[in-house]
Amino acid sequence: MRNRLAAALCLSVTVTMVCMCVWAFPGQGHGAWTLDGVLRQLDEQAKGFHSLSADIERTKVTVVVNDRSTETGSLLVRGDKMLIEMKPPNERKILRTGDNLYVYTPGLKRVEEYNLAKHRALIDQFLLLGFGTSGRELQKAYLVTLLGETSLDEKKTVEIELTPKSEAVRNQISKIQIWLDESSWLPLQQQFNETGSGDYFIIRCSKIIRNPSISDAEFKPHWPKGTEKVKPQG
């Protein structure tokens, strides 16, 4: 059960990370980007973020056996509410509302309910990567490094690297790399490097809509009749 919670948290957290730079703004003429310049843009664009919808693709790479597995789904976010719906073959729905996390698996007709209060400090550390966080706040939790400009999918990007200052976070994720499209300032790719194993996962976001109107009904924990409800311990 603890492993299932970790997997659900990992997915919800990494999707949150994916959206750290969806505060889109028009491209501007500039010379070489500096770290201060990127952080100032985040400061400015964080002010108007309220909600988000997107399609997501997550690829997990297990280095030792050279295995790659990819899954796709959709994402809705508003405030401290998040809904992730992953498609078959590993179909599931992950809903976060404040301190509560629900993992619904249609194939098993089961929903697991978790209270995240004990882990809130760690979760909030990750959530600094998205949804209205300024560049200055980002620097409080991460060592931010500008890796430079590069080409990805035939687009010019700015690549940054985040190293967690918190030991608890570093025990899970050693560093995060983010490629930002210079023409739209949307993330083309995110890579999260797991501590110790050398494994990593890559997140891609598409069809991003900034500040869509999302109703409360999207985040209600309603499940089909006959769904088994369990509350794992730990």
C-alpha atoms as a PDB file:
ATOM      1  CA  MET A   1       0.000   0.000   0.000  1.00  0.00           C
ATOM      2  CA  ARG A   2       2.820   2.344   0.876  1.00  0.00           C
ATOM      3  CA  ASN A   3       4.319   1.744  -2.573  1.00  0.00           C
ATOM      4  CA  ARG A   4       1.003   2.601  -4.244  1.00  0.00           C
ATOM      5  CA  LEU A   5       0.790   5.850  -2.301  1.00  0.00           C
ATOM      6  CA  ALA A   6       4.359   6.686  -3.255  1.00  0.00           C
ATOM      7  CA  ALA A   7       3.586   6.027  -6.912  1.00  0.00           C
ATOM      8  CA  ALA A   8       0.460   8.178  -6.817  1.00  0.00           C
ATOM      9  CA  LEU A   9       2.262  10.986  -5.023  1.00  0.00           C
ATOM     10  CA  CYS A  10       5.139  10.708  -7.469  1.00  0.00           C
ATOM     11  CA  LEU A  11       2.805  11.111 -10.442  1.00  0.00           C
ATOM     12  CA  SER A  12       0.832  13.986  -8.928  1.00  0.00           C
ATOM     13  CA  VAL A  13       3.999  15.741  -7.793  1.00  0.00           C
ATOM     14  CA  THR A  14       5.788  15.360 -11.103  1.00  0.00           C
ATOM     15  CA  VAL A  15       2.793  16.611 -13.024  1.00  0.00           C
ATOM     16  CA  THR A  16       2.731  19.579 -10.696  1.00  0.00           C
ATOM     17  CA  MET A  17       6.379  20.165 -11.542  1.00  0.00           C
ATOM     18  CA  VAL A  18       5.582  19.977 -15.222  1.00  0.00           C
ATOM     19  CA  CYS A  19       3.464  23.075 -14.952  1.00  0.00           C
ATOM     20  CA  MET A  20       5.918  25.285 -13.136  1.00  0.00           C
ATOM     21  CA  CYS A  21       6.470  27.432 -16.226  1.00  0.00           C
ATOM     22  CA  VAL A  22       3.051  27.539 -17.854  1.00  0.00           C
ATOM     23  CA  TRP A  23       2.779  31.229 -17.027  1.00  0.00           C
ATOM     24  CA  ALA A  24       2.939  32.068 -20.714  1.00  0.00           C
ATOM     25  CA  PHE A  25       3.910  35.482 -21.962  1.00  0.00           C
ATOM     26  CA  PRO A  26       4.873  36.885 -25.380  1.00  0.00           C
ATOM     27  CA  GLY A  27       8.435  36.308 -26.525  1.00  0.00           C
ATOM     28  CA  GLN A  28      10.735  39.275 -26.213  1.00  0.00           C
ATOM     29  CA  GLY A  29      13.899  40.245 -27.999  1.00  0.00           C
ATOM     30  CA  HIS A  30      16.936  39.624 -25.809  1.00  0.00           C
ATOM     31  CA  GLY A  31      20.586  38.744 -25.743  1.00  0.00           C
ATOM     32  CA  ALA A  32      21.824  35.671 -23.941  1.00  0.00           C
ATOM     33  CA  TRP A  33      19.518  34.676 -21.114  1.00  0.00           C
ATOM     34  CA  THR A  34      20.757  35.051 -17.540  1.00  0.00           C
ATOM     35  CA  LEU A  35      19.482  33.243 -14.464  1.00  0.00           C
ATOM     36  CA  ASP A  36      18.279  36.539 -12.991  1.00  0.00           C
ATOM     37  CA  GLY A  37      16.349  37.231 -16.184  1.00  0.00           C
ATOM     38  CA  VAL A  38      14.578  33.872 -16.107  1.00  0.00           C
ATOM     39  CA  LEU A  39      13.722  34.233 -12.408  1.00  0.00           C
ATOM     40  CA  ARG A  40      12.346  37.745 -12.968  1.00  0.00           C
ATOM     41  CA  GLN A  41      10.038  36.387 -15.663  1.00  0.00           C
ATOM     42  CA  LEU A  42       8.776  33.764 -13.224  1.00  0.00           C
ATOM     43  CA  ASP A  43       8.215  36.475 -10.600  1.00  0.00           C
ATOM     44  CA  GLU A  44       6.111  38.466 -13.026  1.00  0.00           C
ATOM     45  CA  GLN A  45       4.110  35.652 -14.569  1.00  0.00           C
ATOM     46  CA  ALA A  46       3.334  33.920 -11.238  1.00  0.00           C
ATOM     47  CA  LYS A  47       1.028  36.787 -10.302  1.00  0.00           C
ATOM     48  CA  GLY A  48      -1.799  35.824 -12.635  1.00  0.00           C
ATOM     49  CA  PHE A  49      -1.903  32.032 -12.426  1.00  0.00           C
ATOM     50  CA  HIS A  50      -5.203  30.485 -11.230  1.00  0.00           C
ATOM     51  CA  SER A  51      -5.854  27.200 -13.031  1.00  0.00           C
ATOM     52  CA  LEU A  52      -4.641  24.907 -15.789  1.00  0.00           C
ATOM     53  CA  SER A  53      -5.653  22.072 -18.076  1.00  0.00           C
ATOM     54  CA  ALA A  54      -3.333  19.961 -20.234  1.00  0.00           C
ATOM     55  CA  ASP A  55      -2.649  16.608 -21.836  1.00  0.00           C
ATOM     56  CA  ILE A  56       0.299  14.792 -20.292  1.00  0.00           C
ATOM     57  CA  GLU A  57       2.764  12.071 -21.280  1.00  0.00           C
ATOM     58  CA  ARG A  58       5.032  10.429 -18.723  1.00  0.00           C
ATOM     59  CA  THR A  59       7.915   8.128 -19.652  1.00  0.00           C
ATOM     60  CA  LYS A  60       9.735   6.153 -16.966  1.00  0.00           C
ATOM     61  CA  VAL A  61      13.280   4.994 -17.822  1.00  0.00           C
ATOM     62  CA  THR A  62      14.819   2.133 -15.812  1.00  0.00           C
ATOM     63  CA  VAL A  63      18.502   2.334 -16.618  1.00  0.00           C
ATOM     64  CA  VAL A  64      19.730  -1.070 -15.415  1.00  0.00           C
ATOM     65  CA  VAL A  65      17.437  -3.042 -17.740  1.00  0.00           C
ATOM     66  CA  ASN A  66      17.191  -0.294 -20.374  1.00  0.00           C
ATOM     67  CA  ASP A  67      13.401  -0.256 -20.096  1.00  0.00           C
ATOM     68  CA  ARG A  68      11.114   2.601 -21.135  1.00  0.00           C
ATOM     69  CA  SER A  69       7.395   2.689 -20.328  1.00  0.00           C
ATOM     70  CA  THR A  70       5.071   5.508 -21.376  1.00  0.00           C
ATOM     71  CA  GLU A  71       1.592   6.446 -20.238  1.00  0.00           C
ATOM     72  CA  THR A  72      -0.691   9.300 -21.237  1.00  0.00           C
ATOM     73  CA  GLY A  73      -3.555  11.178 -19.657  1.00  0.00           C
ATOM     74  CA  SER A  74      -5.009  14.564 -18.780  1.00  0.00           C
ATOM     75  CA  LEU A  75      -4.607  17.099 -15.999  1.00  0.00           C
ATOM     76  CA  LEU A  76      -6.791  19.705 -14.293  1.00  0.00           C
ATOM     77  CA  VAL A  77      -5.500  22.037 -11.579  1.00  0.00           C
ATOM     78  CA  ARG A  78      -7.126  24.792  -9.553  1.00  0.00           C
ATOM     79  CA  GLY A  79      -5.640  26.060  -6.309  1.00  0.00           C
ATOM     80  CA  ASP A  80      -4.742  23.067  -4.120  1.00  0.00           C
ATOM     81  CA  LYS A  81      -7.005  20.781  -6.157  1.00  0.00           C
ATOM     82  CA  MET A  82      -5.646  18.460  -8.836  1.00  0.00           C
ATOM     83  CA  LEU A  83      -7.207  15.773 -11.018  1.00  0.00           C
ATOM     84  CA  ILE A  84      -5.094  13.392 -13.102  1.00  0.00           C
ATOM     85  CA  GLU A  85      -6.816  10.853 -15.339  1.00  0.00           C
ATOM     86  CA  MET A  86      -4.532   8.248 -16.882  1.00  0.00           C
ATOM     87  CA  LYS A  87      -5.619   6.201 -19.876  1.00  0.00           C
ATOM     88  CA  PRO A  88      -5.521   2.387 -20.328  1.00  0.00           C
ATOM     89  CA  PRO A  89      -3.796   0.009 -20.035  1.00  0.00           C
ATOM     90  CA  ASN A  90      -2.969   1.289 -16.537  1.00  0.00           C
ATOM     91  CA  GLU A  91      -6.165   3.313 -16.167  1.00  0.00           C
ATOM     92  CA  ARG A  92      -6.619   5.247 -12.930  1.00  0.00           C
ATOM     93  CA  LYS A  93      -7.781   8.546 -11.540  1.00  0.00           C
ATOM     94  CA  ILE A  94      -5.753  10.508  -8.976  1.00  0.00           C
ATOM     95  CA  LEU A  95      -7.567  13.296  -7.146  1.00  0.00           C
ATOM     96  CA  ARG A  96      -6.013  15.667  -4.662  1.00  0.00           C
ATOM     97  CA  THR A  97      -8.084  18.102  -2.625  1.00  0.00           C
ATOM     98  CA  GLY A  98      -6.005  19.827   0.024  1.00  0.00           C
ATOM     99  CA  ASP A  99      -4.733  17.182   2.444  1.00  0.00           C
ATOM    100  CA  ASN A 100      -6.764  14.372   0.856  1.00  0.00           C
ATOM    101  CA  LEU A 101      -5.577  12.098  -1.950  1.00  0.00           C
ATOM    102  CA  TYR A 102      -7.745   9.524  -3.728  1.00  0.00           C
ATOM    103  CA  VAL A 103      -6.484   6.835  -6.112  1.00  0.00           C
ATOM    104  CA  TYR A 104      -9.338   5.261  -8.072  1.00  0.00           C
ATOM    105  CA  THR A 105      -8.657   2.145 -10.154  1.00  0.00           C
ATOM    106  CA  PRO A 106     -11.653   1.288 -12.393  1.00  0.00           C
ATOM    107  CA  GLY A 107     -10.362  -2.201 -13.191  1.00  0.00           C
ATOM    108  CA  LEU A 108     -10.354  -3.106  -9.499  1.00  0.00           C
ATOM    109  CA  LYS A 109     -13.496  -1.079  -8.675  1.00  0.00           C
ATOM    110  CA  ARG A 110     -11.564   0.330  -5.744  1.00  0.00           C
ATOM    111  CA  VAL A 111     -10.604   3.749  -4.426  1.00  0.00           C
ATOM    112  CA  GLU A 112      -7.817   4.232  -1.908  1.00  0.00           C
ATOM    113  CA  GLU A 113      -8.094   7.270   0.365  1.00  0.00           C
ATOM    114  CA  TYR A 114      -5.034   8.877   1.961  1.00  0.00           C
ATOM    115  CA  ASN A 115      -4.585  11.786   4.328  1.00  0.00           C
ATOM    116  CA  LEU A 116      -1.494  13.776   3.406  1.00  0.00           C
ATOM    117  CA  ALA A 117      -1.321  15.970   6.508  1.00  0.00           C
ATOM    118  CA  LYS A 118       1.773  14.180   7.858  1.00  0.00           C
ATOM    119  CA  HIS A 119       3.534  14.655   4.518  1.00  0.00           C
ATOM    120  CA  ARG A 120       2.296  18.191   3.841  1.00  0.00           C
ATOM    121  CA  ALA A 121       5.675  19.874   4.370  1.00  0.00           C
ATOM    122  CA  LEU A 122       7.321  17.599   1.808  1.00  0.00           C
ATOM    123  CA  ILE A 123       4.432  17.931  -0.641  1.00  0.00           C
ATOM    124  CA  ASP A 124       4.409  21.710  -0.340  1.00  0.00           C
ATOM    125  CA  GLN A 125       8.154  21.677  -1.028  1.00  0.00           C
ATOM    126  CA  PHE A 126       7.438  20.051  -4.369  1.00  0.00           C
ATOM    127  CA  LEU A 127       4.483  22.323  -5.034  1.00  0.00           C
ATOM    128  CA  LEU A 128       6.823  25.303  -4.905  1.00  0.00           C
ATOM    129  CA  LEU A 129       7.529  24.307  -8.491  1.00  0.00           C
ATOM    130  CA  GLY A 130       4.156  25.419  -9.723  1.00  0.00           C
ATOM    131  CA  PHE A 131       0.974  27.447  -9.544  1.00  0.00           C
ATOM    132  CA  GLY A 132       1.889  31.012  -8.675  1.00  0.00           C
ATOM    133  CA  THR A 133       5.337  30.484  -7.201  1.00  0.00           C
ATOM    134  CA  SER A 134       7.792  33.308  -7.788  1.00  0.00           C
ATOM    135  CA  GLY A 135      11.392  32.881  -8.812  1.00  0.00           C
ATOM    136  CA  ARG A 136      12.475  34.179  -5.414  1.00  0.00           C
ATOM    137  CA  GLU A 137      10.417  31.525  -3.622  1.00  0.00           C
ATOM    138  CA  LEU A 138      11.854  28.908  -5.959  1.00  0.00           C
ATOM    139  CA  GLN A 139      15.378  29.892  -4.926  1.00  0.00           C
ATOM    140  CA  LYS A 140      14.526  29.393  -1.261  1.00  0.00           C
ATOM    141  CA  ALA A 141      13.923  25.677  -1.846  1.00  0.00           C
ATOM    142  CA  TYR A 142      16.202  24.872  -4.774  1.00  0.00           C
ATOM    143  CA  LEU A 143      19.636  25.660  -6.087  1.00  0.00           C
ATOM    144  CA  VAL A 144      18.713  26.971  -9.527  1.00  0.00           C
ATOM    145  CA  THR A 145      21.284  26.689 -12.311  1.00  0.00           C
ATOM    146  CA  LEU A 146      20.958  28.034 -15.842  1.00  0.00           C
ATOM    147  CA  LEU A 147      22.406  25.390 -18.157  1.00  0.00           C
ATOM    148  CA  GLY A 148      22.116  27.513 -21.286  1.00  0.00           C
ATOM    149  CA  GLU A 149      20.216  27.575 -24.548  1.00  0.00           C
ATOM    150  CA  THR A 150      19.773  24.501 -26.700  1.00  0.00           C
ATOM    151  CA  SER A 151      17.565  23.104 -29.463  1.00  0.00           C
ATOM    152  CA  LEU A 152      14.819  20.582 -28.707  1.00  0.00           C
ATOM    153  CA  ASP A 153      12.262  19.405 -31.264  1.00  0.00           C
ATOM    154  CA  GLU A 154      13.693  22.050 -33.624  1.00  0.00           C
ATOM    155  CA  LYS A 155      12.826  24.816 -31.164  1.00  0.00           C
ATOM    156  CA  LYS A 156      15.118  27.106 -29.199  1.00  0.00           C
ATOM    157  CA  THR A 157      14.908  26.428 -25.485  1.00  0.00           C
ATOM    158  CA  VAL A 158      16.365  27.657 -22.218  1.00  0.00           C
ATOM    159  CA  GLU A 159      17.412  24.777 -19.959  1.00  0.00           C
ATOM    160  CA  ILE A 160      17.504  25.126 -16.186  1.00  0.00           C
ATOM    161  CA  GLU A 161      18.419  22.660 -13.450  1.00  0.00           C
ATOM    162  CA  LEU A 162      16.982  22.508  -9.928  1.00  0.00           C
ATOM    163  CA  THR A 163      18.765  20.828  -7.023  1.00  0.00           C
ATOM    164  CA  PRO A 164      16.617  20.458  -3.871  1.00  0.00           C
ATOM    165  CA  LYS A 165      18.011  22.062  -0.737  1.00  0.00           C
ATOM    166  CA  SER A 166      15.888  19.806   1.481  1.00  0.00           C
ATOM    167  CA  GLU A 167      17.515  16.490   2.370  1.00  0.00           C
ATOM    168  CA  ALA A 168      14.078  14.826   2.449  1.00  0.00           C
ATOM    169  CA  VAL A 169      13.442  15.882  -1.139  1.00  0.00           C
ATOM    170  CA  ARG A 170      16.973  14.953  -2.282  1.00  0.00           C
ATOM    171  CA  ASN A 171      16.391  11.469  -0.886  1.00  0.00           C
ATOM    172  CA  GLN A 172      13.816  11.044  -3.666  1.00  0.00           C
ATOM    173  CA  ILE A 173      14.833  13.384  -6.489  1.00  0.00           C
ATOM    174  CA  SER A 174      18.478  14.416  -6.954  1.00  0.00           C
ATOM    175  CA  LYS A 175      17.826  17.043  -9.610  1.00  0.00           C
ATOM    176  CA  ILE A 176      15.269  18.294 -12.122  1.00  0.00           C
ATOM    177  CA  GLN A 177      15.987  19.551 -15.640  1.00  0.00           C
ATOM    178  CA  ILE A 178      13.515  21.754 -17.489  1.00  0.00           C
ATOM    179  CA  TRP A 179      13.541  22.853 -21.129  1.00  0.00           C
ATOM    180  CA  LEU A 180      11.554  26.062 -21.793  1.00  0.00           C
ATOM    181  CA  ASP A 181      10.426  27.015 -25.281  1.00  0.00           C
ATOM    182  CA  GLU A 182      11.760  30.534 -25.898  1.00  0.00           C
ATOM    183  CA  SER A 183       8.901  31.372 -28.264  1.00  0.00           C
ATOM    184  CA  SER A 184       6.088  30.607 -25.806  1.00  0.00           C
ATOM    185  CA  TRP A 185       7.771  30.040 -22.426  1.00  0.00           C
ATOM    186  CA  LEU A 186       5.958  26.736 -22.076  1.00  0.00           C
ATOM    187  CA  PRO A 187       7.896  23.655 -20.914  1.00  0.00           C
ATOM    188  CA  LEU A 188       8.763  21.353 -23.805  1.00  0.00           C
ATOM    189  CA  GLN A 189      10.251  18.721 -21.527  1.00  0.00           C
ATOM    190  CA  GLN A 190      10.980  17.969 -17.870  1.00  0.00           C
ATOM    191  CA  GLN A 191      13.376  15.301 -16.598  1.00  0.00           C
ATOM    192  CA  PHE A 192      13.376  14.129 -12.973  1.00  0.00           C
ATOM    193  CA  ASN A 193      16.409  12.144 -11.837  1.00  0.00           C
ATOM    194  CA  GLU A 194      15.770   9.675  -9.025  1.00  0.00           C
ATOM    195  CA  THR A 195      18.286   9.497  -6.214  1.00  0.00           C
ATOM    196  CA  GLY A 196      20.585   6.471  -6.081  1.00  0.00           C
ATOM    197  CA  SER A 197      19.189   4.333  -8.893  1.00  0.00           C
ATOM    198  CA  GLY A 198      20.120   6.457 -11.893  1.00  0.00           C
ATOM    199  CA  ASP A 199      16.553   5.998 -13.153  1.00  0.00           C
ATOM    200  CA  TYR A 200      14.625   9.010 -14.384  1.00  0.00           C
ATOM    201  CA  PHE A 201      11.265  10.011 -15.782  1.00  0.00           C
ATOM    202  CA  ILE A 202      10.395  12.508 -18.477  1.00  0.00           C
ATOM    203  CA  ILE A 203       7.218  14.578 -18.568  1.00  0.00           C
ATOM    204  CA  ARG A 204       5.805  16.272 -21.642  1.00  0.00           C
ATOM    205  CA  CYS A 205       2.798  18.561 -21.595  1.00  0.00           C
ATOM    206  CA  SER A 206       0.670  19.511 -24.614  1.00  0.00           C
ATOM    207  CA  LYS A 207      -2.564  21.381 -25.330  1.00  0.00           C
ATOM    208  CA  ILE A 208      -1.937  23.564 -22.283  1.00  0.00           C
ATOM    209  CA  ILE A 209      -4.659  26.054 -21.408  1.00  0.00           C
ATOM    210  CA  ARG A 210      -3.796  28.679 -18.811  1.00  0.00           C
ATOM    211  CA  ASN A 211      -6.566  29.835 -16.439  1.00  0.00           C
ATOM    212  CA  PRO A 212      -9.498  27.890 -17.904  1.00  0.00           C
ATOM    213  CA  SER A 213     -12.817  27.943 -16.078  1.00  0.00           C
ATOM    214  CA  ILE A 214     -12.998  24.712 -14.043  1.00  0.00           C
ATOM    215  CA  SER A 215     -16.031  23.928 -11.904  1.00  0.00           C
ATOM    216  CA  ASP A 216     -15.949  22.518  -8.369  1.00  0.00           C
ATOM    217  CA  ALA A 217     -17.728  19.409  -9.670  1.00  0.00           C
ATOM    218  CA  GLU A 218     -14.529  18.270 -11.412  1.00  0.00           C
ATOM    219  CA  PHE A 219     -12.863  17.815  -8.022  1.00  0.00           C
ATOM    220  CA  LYS A 220     -15.649  16.044  -6.137  1.00  0.00           C
ATOM    221  CA  PRO A 221     -14.654  12.569  -4.886  1.00  0.00           C
ATOM    222  CA  HIS A 222     -17.598  10.736  -6.470  1.00  0.00           C
ATOM    223  CA  TRP A 223     -17.121   7.100  -7.488  1.00  0.00           C
ATOM    224  CA  PRO A 224     -19.365   4.577  -9.290  1.00  0.00           C
ATOM    225  CA  LYS A 225     -21.821   2.582  -7.225  1.00  0.00           C
ATOM    226  CA  GLY A 226     -20.242  -0.559  -5.804  1.00  0.00           C
ATOM    227  CA  THR A 227     -16.731   0.920  -5.568  1.00  0.00           C
ATOM    228  CA  GLU A 228     -14.766  -0.495  -2.637  1.00  0.00           C
ATOM    229  CA  LYS A 229     -13.341   2.237  -0.397  1.00  0.00           C
ATOM    230  CA  VAL A 230     -10.171   1.492   1.542  1.00  0.00           C
ATOM    231  CA  LYS A 231      -7.959   3.628   3.775  1.00  0.00           C
ATOM    232  CA  PRO A 232      -4.454   2.109   3.790  1.00  0.00           C
ATOM    233  CA  GLN A 233      -2.350   2.748   6.859  1.00  0.00           C
ATOM    234  CA  GLY A 234       1.038   4.454   6.735  1.00  0.00           C
END
